[in-house]
């Protein structure tokens, strides 16, 4: 009776956890897709399902994911076969099993950058071979990234299955006179049929839902994850339509669950695994060894740049050894704080996740609870295995905004526990099922309680799997980005979301250093688990009994304490003013300098976002946003105030030259310009463009990069200039030519073009003028041209969030400090006068600074987005 109560308590706790943090958020996604301001509607489904671009992205994602899944499964099969069915040296087998899973220890967002710096026009491998091997943007780059990403998962699935195939049937087949092919099909391939299908499904799904790789090397090859990101965090967020896209992304989940359930019947289980010496075959061993070496070399060569770029002064223009980039990262207290956050999240995710998994597996594998109840937990495992991280993150954003767990470590850790539940649950369940079923009966007859049996017998024997589960959660929590990018805040930023932020500013040295830090951390974690699981067996049993008792006593207390610790840590520094900003690095440094020199040092937390991401958070979180003060594109602030009434009127005089609303005032005026890589221009023998219109000339095909207005407002500067000068009709013709010439270099991020120009991927880009000015000043082969159509401007402004009684009183004073004390430095980088009495450096000013003839609003932006879409 006591056992039943304890088992039921564990079961109810687990069901409640997934009901509240999985079922409710998914229902919220469905609600958002079906309910608008006027009630229930099918308008959002109509807008998405009748959209040609959506179907193109959906079809592309299905196609490239299937292709990558097939390639990955074949390659993984070769590696697993080499380990399990050849007589190559055991040390070589160990190398294969170690290196095959190495990419799992890095975040996928790093893969794209590594591909660019390996195979790009100025990439490391391109320089080694003295020419670019292939075009990396579009389907080529996606396939490379997806295969690297999914190969470790596929390898683990196939390798673990091959280990438990009884090899005596190979001998039986030979004795019966079967030919080699028939023997292979019947004794190896057939027993693995279910696992091969599972590998294809898993690899397909991981590729289908990944965002990090397409964001870097997808080019104009539209994929569904990019569509979801643009709807949710594009230049004009639309959460209702984004919810529809999220639901459409769940369709493969439903199919996957059905397929995985169906193929389970093809899994062959043996009562006993025979120890059989494999037949000697030097030709087989040689071919498989060479194939494995080629696969691993190709895969790992892409990551060589991680160990090169951070130690180069300025790739690819100043190739000299330096440790400055490493020193700068470790000297940056903000980056170190982010690393500490990541460690905390990873450890707590591993602790909580292991407890949840262990409890769930005990209920399903070692209890007499109803089979129907057990199937609920097994069904949850299947569902969590196939819900995209991006969908889960968006569901959490929509569900928990405004609650006490918003922007806390608690919500991040729970999200991770839910997201990665499936695999460790199946690992733990399988391990517990293999144990002798009579242990509990024997212990009960001896008078032991269920809990004592769990501590003294079950836990020590499951210790190796428990450590594997802990390690699985830890590693995945360190590398994940797709889900948590929507729910982290200034106080809870982790290392992968910081990498996402840094890519907006093209800080690839910092990105690679942080990636190496993640790799090193995960290697240490895996090494520690290896040592713990390979100690002397008898000694480990004794120690595990002692440890098991301690675990049982402290487990409940730990679960209760973790929530408080996580919430408390995430609220650390609550008295500090939180800044959310889309400003460039130069502007951020100028604002920080003004604050630090005027008595506000250590009294604020600064968090940077891309324009679209910050716009998405403003739209979703409204006045519940973590920020006390924001700096943001002015038209976004106007739109947010009109819809949500979320800003305070400024209580200080600004003396601005133009008239602005009472709730914001500008900090900078961003200008667009043509950005040139002088070396690439000379190398490709291109003539210097004078206007934006020139970019449509055929000679520039494949040599230019511009921004897509659906992803970034930087492109709006270009489109404003064209419409103002040539009218909408001619602008369409020009844009068609520009987009054709840009090809795969049509970027979603405003910093995308200058990153391509800096890296030598293209010779010309359209971007923010001040970034090119800074690069030229730093000695890079970068120049800028003020186009004849004019340098159109967008202002970025400061505004204070109205949080009622919770409004931070220092926020308004800091806003005033930025304007009155920071402008003297800001105008050095952004040489446009905004306030009375300012003087800008004439030599640094553009020739034709101008503004659009109509007031800039979100409605106008949407109209220009439609015009742009018609030109693709």
Foldseek 3Di string as FASTA:
>chain_A
DVVVVVLVVLLVVLVVLCCVQPVQLLVLLVLLQQQDPVGGDNVLVCVQVVDPLNVLQAVLLLVLLLVLLVVLLVLLLLLLCLLQFADPDVVLNVVSLVLQQLVLLFFLLVLLVLCCQDQFQQHPVCVVVVHRPDQCAASNVLSLSLSLVLNNVSNVLLNVLSVQQACVVLVVCVVVPDDPVVSCCPRPVQLCVLSSLLSSLLSSLCSLQDDSRCQRRNFPSRHLNVVLCLCQQFLAHPSNSSSSSLVVSCVSLVVSLVSNVVSVVSNDHDPDHDDDDHDHDVVVSVVSSVSSVVVSCVSCVSLVVLVQVLQAPAPPPGGDGDNVLVVVQVVDVLNVLQAVLLQLLLQLLLLVLLVSLLSLLCSLAQDPPDPVSNVVSLVLLSNLSRRRLLSSQSSCLQPCQPHLCFQFSVSLSSSLSSNPNNPLSVLLNVQSNPDDNCQVVVCVVVPDDPLLSCLQPVCLSCVLSSLVSSLVSSSCSLRDDNRCLNGHDLLNNHLNNVLVQVVLQLPVSSNSSSSVVSSVVSVVSVVVSVVLNPDDSVVSSVVSSVVSVVCSVCVVVCVVVSVVVRSVSSCPLVLAAEEEEQDHPLLVVLLQVLCVVPPCPPRHGYDYDHQSNVLSCCVSNPLSGSHQKYKHFPQSVVVSCVVRVWFDFQPDDQQWPDDDDRFKAFLFKWWKFKKFQQVLCVVLVHDDDQALLCLLDPSLAQAEAEEQLSQHCQNVQVLLLCCQVPNLVVSLVSLLSNCRSCRSRHHNHLCSRVSCCQNVSHGMYMHTPLVQVVCVVVPGSMDTHAHPSGTEIITIIMGGTCPDPSNNPCRSVSSVSCSPPSSVSVCASRVDGTHPPDHHDPVSDDDGYDYHPDDDHVVVSVVVSVSSVVSD
